[in-house]
Full PDB file with SEQRES, HELIX, SHEET, SSBOND, CRYST1, ORIGX, SCALE, CONECT and MASTER records, all heavy atoms in Angstrom:
SEQRES   1 A   30  ILE ASN ALA MET GLY TRP TYR ARG LEU ALA PRO GLY ALA          
SEQRES   2 A   30  GLN ARG ASP LEU VAL ALA LEU ILE SER SER GLY GLY SER          
SEQRES   3 A   30  THR THR TYR ALA                                              
SHEET    1 AA1 3 ALA A   3  LEU A   9  0                                        
SHEET    2 AA1 3 ARG A  15  SER A  22 -1                                        
SHEET    3 AA1 3 THR A  27  TYR A  29 -1                                        
CRYST1    1.000    1.000    1.000  90.00  90.00  90.00 P 1           1          
ORIGX1      1.000000  0.000000  0.000000        0.00000                         
ORIGX2      0.000000  1.000000  0.000000        0.00000                         
ORIGX3      0.000000  0.000000  1.000000        0.00000                         
SCALE1      1.000000  0.000000  0.000000        0.00000                         
SCALE2      0.000000  1.000000  0.000000        0.00000                         
SCALE3      0.000000  0.000000  1.000000        0.00000                         
ATOM      1  N   ILE A   1     -23.492   8.237  25.269  1.00  0.00           N  
ATOM      2  CA  ILE A   1     -22.467   7.868  24.305  1.00  0.00           C  
ATOM      3  C   ILE A   1     -22.555   8.797  23.107  1.00  0.00           C  
ATOM      4  O   ILE A   1     -23.625   8.981  22.526  1.00  0.00           O  
ATOM      5  CB  ILE A   1     -22.619   6.402  23.874  1.00  0.00           C  
ATOM      6  CG1 ILE A   1     -22.293   5.484  25.042  1.00  0.00           C  
ATOM      7  CG2 ILE A   1     -21.715   6.098  22.677  1.00  0.00           C  
ATOM      8  CD1 ILE A   1     -22.471   4.012  24.745  1.00  0.00           C  
ATOM      9  N   ASN A   2     -21.431   9.373  22.757  1.00  0.00           N  
ATOM     10  CA  ASN A   2     -21.376  10.287  21.620  1.00  0.00           C  
ATOM     11  C   ASN A   2     -21.123   9.545  20.310  1.00  0.00           C  
ATOM     12  O   ASN A   2     -21.697   9.890  19.277  1.00  0.00           O  
ATOM     13  CB  ASN A   2     -20.296  11.339  21.851  1.00  0.00           C  
ATOM     14  CG  ASN A   2     -20.478  12.058  23.162  1.00  0.00           C  
ATOM     15  OD1 ASN A   2     -21.554  12.576  23.466  1.00  0.00           O  
ATOM     16  ND2 ASN A   2     -19.426  12.087  23.973  1.00  0.00           N  
ATOM     17  N   ALA A   3     -20.250   8.548  20.379  1.00  0.00           N  
ATOM     18  CA  ALA A   3     -19.946   7.757  19.199  1.00  0.00           C  
ATOM     19  C   ALA A   3     -19.262   6.475  19.638  1.00  0.00           C  
ATOM     20  O   ALA A   3     -18.618   6.416  20.688  1.00  0.00           O  
ATOM     21  CB  ALA A   3     -19.052   8.523  18.227  1.00  0.00           C  
ATOM     22  N   MET A   4     -19.393   5.454  18.816  1.00  0.00           N  
ATOM     23  CA  MET A   4     -18.685   4.207  19.032  1.00  0.00           C  
ATOM     24  C   MET A   4     -18.089   3.780  17.699  1.00  0.00           C  
ATOM     25  O   MET A   4     -18.703   3.986  16.654  1.00  0.00           O  
ATOM     26  CB  MET A   4     -19.603   3.112  19.572  1.00  0.00           C  
ATOM     27  CG  MET A   4     -20.275   3.464  20.887  1.00  0.00           C  
ATOM     28  SD  MET A   4     -21.295   2.122  21.570  1.00  0.00           S  
ATOM     29  CE  MET A   4     -20.013   1.090  22.316  1.00  0.00           C  
ATOM     30  N   GLY A   5     -16.917   3.208  17.762  1.00  0.00           N  
ATOM     31  CA  GLY A   5     -16.269   2.842  16.520  1.00  0.00           C  
ATOM     32  C   GLY A   5     -15.347   1.654  16.648  1.00  0.00           C  
ATOM     33  O   GLY A   5     -15.085   1.154  17.747  1.00  0.00           O  
ATOM     34  N   TRP A   6     -14.878   1.222  15.496  1.00  0.00           N  
ATOM     35  CA  TRP A   6     -13.925   0.129  15.391  1.00  0.00           C  
ATOM     36  C   TRP A   6     -12.688   0.618  14.662  1.00  0.00           C  
ATOM     37  O   TRP A   6     -12.794   1.299  13.633  1.00  0.00           O  
ATOM     38  CB  TRP A   6     -14.521  -1.061  14.644  1.00  0.00           C  
ATOM     39  CG  TRP A   6     -15.590  -1.760  15.412  1.00  0.00           C  
ATOM     40  CD1 TRP A   6     -16.928  -1.569  15.340  1.00  0.00           C  
ATOM     41  CD2 TRP A   6     -15.386  -2.791  16.392  1.00  0.00           C  
ATOM     42  NE1 TRP A   6     -17.591  -2.406  16.207  1.00  0.00           N  
ATOM     43  CE2 TRP A   6     -16.665  -3.168  16.866  1.00  0.00           C  
ATOM     44  CE3 TRP A   6     -14.261  -3.423  16.913  1.00  0.00           C  
ATOM     45  CZ2 TRP A   6     -16.833  -4.155  17.838  1.00  0.00           C  
ATOM     46  CZ3 TRP A   6     -14.438  -4.401  17.882  1.00  0.00           C  
ATOM     47  CH2 TRP A   6     -15.714  -4.750  18.322  1.00  0.00           C  
ATOM     48  N   TYR A   7     -11.532   0.260  15.191  1.00  0.00           N  
ATOM     49  CA  TYR A   7     -10.252   0.633  14.624  1.00  0.00           C  
ATOM     50  C   TYR A   7      -9.413  -0.614  14.423  1.00  0.00           C  
ATOM     51  O   TYR A   7      -9.497  -1.561  15.201  1.00  0.00           O  
ATOM     52  CB  TYR A   7      -9.508   1.602  15.541  1.00  0.00           C  
ATOM     53  CG  TYR A   7     -10.190   2.945  15.713  1.00  0.00           C  
ATOM     54  CD1 TYR A   7     -11.334   3.074  16.490  1.00  0.00           C  
ATOM     55  CD2 TYR A   7      -9.679   4.081  15.095  1.00  0.00           C  
ATOM     56  CE1 TYR A   7     -11.963   4.301  16.650  1.00  0.00           C  
ATOM     57  CE2 TYR A   7     -10.297   5.312  15.255  1.00  0.00           C  
ATOM     58  CZ  TYR A   7     -11.433   5.412  16.036  1.00  0.00           C  
ATOM     59  OH  TYR A   7     -12.046   6.635  16.189  1.00  0.00           O  
ATOM     60  N   ARG A   8      -8.600  -0.588  13.389  1.00  0.00           N  
ATOM     61  CA  ARG A   8      -7.700  -1.694  13.102  1.00  0.00           C  
ATOM     62  C   ARG A   8      -6.263  -1.213  13.260  1.00  0.00           C  
ATOM     63  O   ARG A   8      -5.903  -0.147  12.763  1.00  0.00           O  
ATOM     64  CB  ARG A   8      -7.928  -2.244  11.694  1.00  0.00           C  
ATOM     65  CG  ARG A   8      -7.002  -3.405  11.319  1.00  0.00           C  
ATOM     66  CD  ARG A   8      -7.403  -4.044   9.988  1.00  0.00           C  
ATOM     67  NE  ARG A   8      -7.361  -3.091   8.893  1.00  0.00           N  
ATOM     68  CZ  ARG A   8      -8.398  -2.816   8.103  1.00  0.00           C  
ATOM     69  NH1 ARG A   8      -9.558  -3.443   8.276  1.00  0.00           N  
ATOM     70  NH2 ARG A   8      -8.265  -1.929   7.123  1.00  0.00           N  
ATOM     71  N   LEU A   9      -5.458  -2.008  13.938  1.00  0.00           N  
ATOM     72  CA  LEU A   9      -4.070  -1.666  14.151  1.00  0.00           C  
ATOM     73  C   LEU A   9      -3.278  -1.965  12.892  1.00  0.00           C  
ATOM     74  O   LEU A   9      -3.184  -3.118  12.472  1.00  0.00           O  
ATOM     75  CB  LEU A   9      -3.502  -2.440  15.335  1.00  0.00           C  
ATOM     76  CG  LEU A   9      -2.022  -2.201  15.642  1.00  0.00           C  
ATOM     77  CD1 LEU A   9      -1.785  -0.746  16.011  1.00  0.00           C  
ATOM     78  CD2 LEU A   9      -1.559  -3.124  16.758  1.00  0.00           C  
ATOM     79  N   ALA A  10      -2.724  -0.928  12.306  1.00  0.00           N  
ATOM     80  CA  ALA A  10      -1.872  -1.085  11.138  1.00  0.00           C  
ATOM     81  C   ALA A  10      -0.448  -1.374  11.589  1.00  0.00           C  
ATOM     82  O   ALA A  10       0.041  -0.748  12.534  1.00  0.00           O  
ATOM     83  CB  ALA A  10      -1.909   0.168  10.272  1.00  0.00           C  
ATOM     84  N   PRO A  11       0.227  -2.303  10.924  1.00  0.00           N  
ATOM     85  CA  PRO A  11       1.594  -2.632  11.328  1.00  0.00           C  
ATOM     86  C   PRO A  11       2.508  -1.417  11.354  1.00  0.00           C  
ATOM     87  O   PRO A  11       2.598  -0.683  10.369  1.00  0.00           O  
ATOM     88  CB  PRO A  11       2.042  -3.638  10.266  1.00  0.00           C  
ATOM     89  CG  PRO A  11       0.775  -4.245   9.764  1.00  0.00           C  
ATOM     90  CD  PRO A  11      -0.226  -3.135   9.800  1.00  0.00           C  
ATOM     91  N   GLY A  12       3.154  -1.207  12.482  1.00  0.00           N  
ATOM     92  CA  GLY A  12       4.098  -0.117  12.622  1.00  0.00           C  
ATOM     93  C   GLY A  12       3.494   1.270  12.605  1.00  0.00           C  
ATOM     94  O   GLY A  12       4.220   2.258  12.438  1.00  0.00           O  
ATOM     95  N   ALA A  13       2.190   1.357  12.771  1.00  0.00           N  
ATOM     96  CA  ALA A  13       1.526   2.646  12.694  1.00  0.00           C  
ATOM     97  C   ALA A  13       0.445   2.756  13.758  1.00  0.00           C  
ATOM     98  O   ALA A  13       0.345   1.933  14.668  1.00  0.00           O  
ATOM     99  CB  ALA A  13       0.939   2.860  11.301  1.00  0.00           C  
ATOM    100  N   GLN A  14      -0.358   3.784  13.639  1.00  0.00           N  
ATOM    101  CA  GLN A  14      -1.447   4.006  14.568  1.00  0.00           C  
ATOM    102  C   GLN A  14      -2.659   3.173  14.176  1.00  0.00           C  
ATOM    103  O   GLN A  14      -2.707   2.590  13.094  1.00  0.00           O  
ATOM    104  CB  GLN A  14      -1.814   5.489  14.599  1.00  0.00           C  
ATOM    105  CG  GLN A  14      -2.389   6.011  13.290  1.00  0.00           C  
ATOM    106  CD  GLN A  14      -2.642   7.498  13.314  1.00  0.00           C  
ATOM    107  OE1 GLN A  14      -1.786   8.268  13.736  1.00  0.00           O  
ATOM    108  NE2 GLN A  14      -3.818   7.907  12.863  1.00  0.00           N  
ATOM    109  N   ARG A  15      -3.610   3.152  15.048  1.00  0.00           N  
ATOM    110  CA  ARG A  15      -4.862   2.472  14.760  1.00  0.00           C  
ATOM    111  C   ARG A  15      -5.690   3.298  13.782  1.00  0.00           C  
ATOM    112  O   ARG A  15      -5.945   4.478  14.009  1.00  0.00           O  
ATOM    113  CB  ARG A  15      -5.631   2.229  16.059  1.00  0.00           C  
ATOM    114  CG  ARG A  15      -5.079   1.087  16.890  1.00  0.00           C  
ATOM    115  CD  ARG A  15      -5.759   0.961  18.232  1.00  0.00           C  
ATOM    116  NE  ARG A  15      -5.286   1.973  19.171  1.00  0.00           N  
ATOM    117  CZ  ARG A  15      -5.439   1.904  20.484  1.00  0.00           C  
ATOM    118  NH1 ARG A  15      -6.053   0.853  21.023  1.00  0.00           N  
ATOM    119  NH2 ARG A  15      -4.983   2.867  21.263  1.00  0.00           N  
ATOM    120  N   ASP A  16      -6.096   2.651  12.705  1.00  0.00           N  
ATOM    121  CA  ASP A  16      -6.874   3.314  11.661  1.00  0.00           C  
ATOM    122  C   ASP A  16      -8.355   3.047  11.851  1.00  0.00           C  
ATOM    123  O   ASP A  16      -8.764   1.943  12.203  1.00  0.00           O  
ATOM    124  CB  ASP A  16      -6.451   2.834  10.274  1.00  0.00           C  
ATOM    125  CG  ASP A  16      -5.038   3.230   9.917  1.00  0.00           C  
ATOM    126  OD1 ASP A  16      -4.605   4.325  10.310  1.00  0.00           O  
ATOM    127  OD2 ASP A  16      -4.357   2.436   9.224  1.00  0.00           O  
ATOM    128  N   LEU A  17      -9.146   4.061  11.586  1.00  0.00           N  
ATOM    129  CA  LEU A  17     -10.590   3.922  11.697  1.00  0.00           C  
ATOM    130  C   LEU A  17     -11.122   2.971  10.635  1.00  0.00           C  
ATOM    131  O   LEU A  17     -10.812   3.113   9.454  1.00  0.00           O  
ATOM    132  CB  LEU A  17     -11.258   5.289  11.553  1.00  0.00           C  
ATOM    133  CG  LEU A  17     -12.783   5.290  11.592  1.00  0.00           C  
ATOM    134  CD1 LEU A  17     -13.284   4.886  12.975  1.00  0.00           C  
ATOM    135  CD2 LEU A  17     -13.336   6.658  11.204  1.00  0.00           C  
ATOM    136  N   VAL A  18     -11.923   2.025  11.064  1.00  0.00           N  
ATOM    137  CA  VAL A  18     -12.599   1.101  10.165  1.00  0.00           C  
ATOM    138  C   VAL A  18     -14.053   1.520   9.978  1.00  0.00           C  
ATOM    139  O   VAL A  18     -14.549   1.592   8.857  1.00  0.00           O  
ATOM    140  CB  VAL A  18     -12.524  -0.343  10.685  1.00  0.00           C  
ATOM    141  CG1 VAL A  18     -13.328  -1.282   9.799  1.00  0.00           C  
ATOM    142  CG2 VAL A  18     -11.074  -0.798  10.775  1.00  0.00           C  
ATOM    143  N   ALA A  19     -14.736   1.775  11.077  1.00  0.00           N  
ATOM    144  CA  ALA A  19     -16.137   2.162  11.018  1.00  0.00           C  
ATOM    145  C   ALA A  19     -16.498   2.923  12.278  1.00  0.00           C  
ATOM    146  O   ALA A  19     -15.958   2.670  13.346  1.00  0.00           O  
ATOM    147  CB  ALA A  19     -17.050   0.938  10.865  1.00  0.00           C  
ATOM    148  N   LEU A  20     -17.429   3.840  12.135  1.00  0.00           N  
ATOM    149  CA  LEU A  20     -17.858   4.677  13.247  1.00  0.00           C  
ATOM    150  C   LEU A  20     -19.353   4.899  13.161  1.00  0.00           C  
ATOM    151  O   LEU A  20     -19.896   5.077  12.066  1.00  0.00           O  
ATOM    152  CB  LEU A  20     -17.130   6.026  13.204  1.00  0.00           C  
ATOM    153  CG  LEU A  20     -17.412   7.033  14.322  1.00  0.00           C  
ATOM    154  CD1 LEU A  20     -16.733   6.580  15.610  1.00  0.00           C  
ATOM    155  CD2 LEU A  20     -16.934   8.423  13.930  1.00  0.00           C  
ATOM    156  N   ILE A  21     -20.005   4.910  14.300  1.00  0.00           N  
ATOM    157  CA  ILE A  21     -21.421   5.238  14.347  1.00  0.00           C  
ATOM    158  C   ILE A  21     -21.620   6.305  15.408  1.00  0.00           C  
ATOM    159  O   ILE A  21     -21.146   6.188  16.536  1.00  0.00           O  
ATOM    160  CB  ILE A  21     -22.298   3.988  14.601  1.00  0.00           C  
ATOM    161  CG1 ILE A  21     -23.781   4.353  14.512  1.00  0.00           C  
ATOM    162  CG2 ILE A  21     -21.964   3.321  15.923  1.00  0.00           C  
ATOM    163  CD1 ILE A  21     -24.684   3.126  14.395  1.00  0.00           C  
ATOM    164  N   SER A  22     -22.302   7.365  15.038  1.00  0.00           N  
ATOM    165  CA  SER A  22     -22.510   8.490  15.926  1.00  0.00           C  
ATOM    166  C   SER A  22     -23.743   8.282  16.780  1.00  0.00           C  
ATOM    167  O   SER A  22     -24.516   7.342  16.595  1.00  0.00           O  
ATOM    168  CB  SER A  22     -22.643   9.783  15.117  1.00  0.00           C  
ATOM    169  OG  SER A  22     -23.882   9.818  14.432  1.00  0.00           O  
ATOM    170  N   SER A  23     -23.935   9.201  17.720  1.00  0.00           N  
ATOM    171  CA  SER A  23     -25.113   9.126  18.579  1.00  0.00           C  
ATOM    172  C   SER A  23     -26.401   9.239  17.787  1.00  0.00           C  
ATOM    173  O   SER A  23     -27.429   8.689  18.200  1.00  0.00           O  
ATOM    174  CB  SER A  23     -25.053  10.226  19.641  1.00  0.00           C  
ATOM    175  OG  SER A  23     -25.031  11.519  19.050  1.00  0.00           O  
ATOM    176  N   GLY A  24     -26.346   9.944  16.668  1.00  0.00           N  
ATOM    177  CA  GLY A  24     -27.505  10.089  15.820  1.00  0.00           C  
ATOM    178  C   GLY A  24     -27.724   8.942  14.853  1.00  0.00           C  
ATOM    179  O   GLY A  24     -28.718   8.938  14.123  1.00  0.00           O  
ATOM    180  N   GLY A  25     -26.798   8.002  14.827  1.00  0.00           N  
ATOM    181  CA  GLY A  25     -26.941   6.837  13.976  1.00  0.00           C  
ATOM    182  C   GLY A  25     -26.240   6.927  12.636  1.00  0.00           C  
ATOM    183  O   GLY A  25     -26.284   5.967  11.863  1.00  0.00           O  
ATOM    184  N   SER A  26     -25.610   8.049  12.346  1.00  0.00           N  
ATOM    185  CA  SER A  26     -24.878   8.149  11.096  1.00  0.00           C  
ATOM    186  C   SER A  26     -23.620   7.299  11.157  1.00  0.00           C  
ATOM    187  O   SER A  26     -23.019   7.138  12.219  1.00  0.00           O  
ATOM    188  CB  SER A  26     -24.532   9.598  10.779  1.00  0.00           C  
ATOM    189  OG  SER A  26     -23.678  10.141  11.782  1.00  0.00           O  
ATOM    190  N   THR A  27     -23.224   6.767  10.025  1.00  0.00           N  
ATOM    191  CA  THR A  27     -22.089   5.851   9.979  1.00  0.00           C  
ATOM    192  C   THR A  27     -21.018   6.348   9.031  1.00  0.00           C  
ATOM    193  O   THR A  27     -21.298   7.051   8.055  1.00  0.00           O  
ATOM    194  CB  THR A  27     -22.527   4.442   9.553  1.00  0.00           C  
ATOM    195  OG1 THR A  27     -23.187   4.510   8.280  1.00  0.00           O  
ATOM    196  CG2 THR A  27     -23.480   3.853  10.576  1.00  0.00           C  
ATOM    197  N   THR A  28     -19.804   5.969   9.338  1.00  0.00           N  
ATOM    198  CA  THR A  28     -18.647   6.279   8.522  1.00  0.00           C  
ATOM    199  C   THR A  28     -17.819   5.015   8.367  1.00  0.00           C  
ATOM    200  O   THR A  28     -17.618   4.284   9.339  1.00  0.00           O  
ATOM    201  CB  THR A  28     -17.789   7.383   9.162  1.00  0.00           C  
ATOM    202  OG1 THR A  28     -18.574   8.568   9.337  1.00  0.00           O  
ATOM    203  CG2 THR A  28     -16.587   7.717   8.284  1.00  0.00           C  
ATOM    204  N   TYR A  29     -17.342   4.762   7.148  1.00  0.00           N  
ATOM    205  CA  TYR A  29     -16.542   3.581   6.883  1.00  0.00           C  
ATOM    206  C   TYR A  29     -15.267   3.948   6.152  1.00  0.00           C  
ATOM    207  O   TYR A  29     -15.246   4.880   5.339  1.00  0.00           O  
ATOM    208  CB  TYR A  29     -17.308   2.572   6.024  1.00  0.00           C  
ATOM    209  CG  TYR A  29     -18.537   1.999   6.665  1.00  0.00           C  
ATOM    210  CD1 TYR A  29     -19.787   2.562   6.442  1.00  0.00           C  
ATOM    211  CD2 TYR A  29     -18.448   0.884   7.491  1.00  0.00           C  
ATOM    212  CE1 TYR A  29     -20.924   2.038   7.031  1.00  0.00           C  
ATOM    213  CE2 TYR A  29     -19.574   0.349   8.081  1.00  0.00           C  
ATOM    214  CZ  TYR A  29     -20.815   0.928   7.851  1.00  0.00           C  
ATOM    215  OH  TYR A  29     -21.932   0.399   8.440  1.00  0.00           O  
ATOM    216  N   ALA A  30     -14.226   3.197   6.433  1.00  0.00           N  
ATOM    217  CA  ALA A  30     -13.041   3.291   5.610  1.00  0.00           C  
ATOM    218  C   ALA A  30     -13.381   2.812   4.209  1.00  0.00           C  
ATOM    219  O   ALA A  30     -14.188   1.896   4.029  1.00  0.00           O  
ATOM    220  CB  ALA A  30     -11.915   2.446   6.195  1.00  0.00           C  
TER     221      ALA A  30                                                      
MASTER        0    0    0    0    3    0    0    6  220    1    0    3          
END                                                                             
């Protein structure tokens, strides 16, 4: 696994990134 994340569906738009965790454990948040 390279990365796993969570996305939220915005009304009338694309899915926006909420949070992501990489294979190395680094995290990214909206």
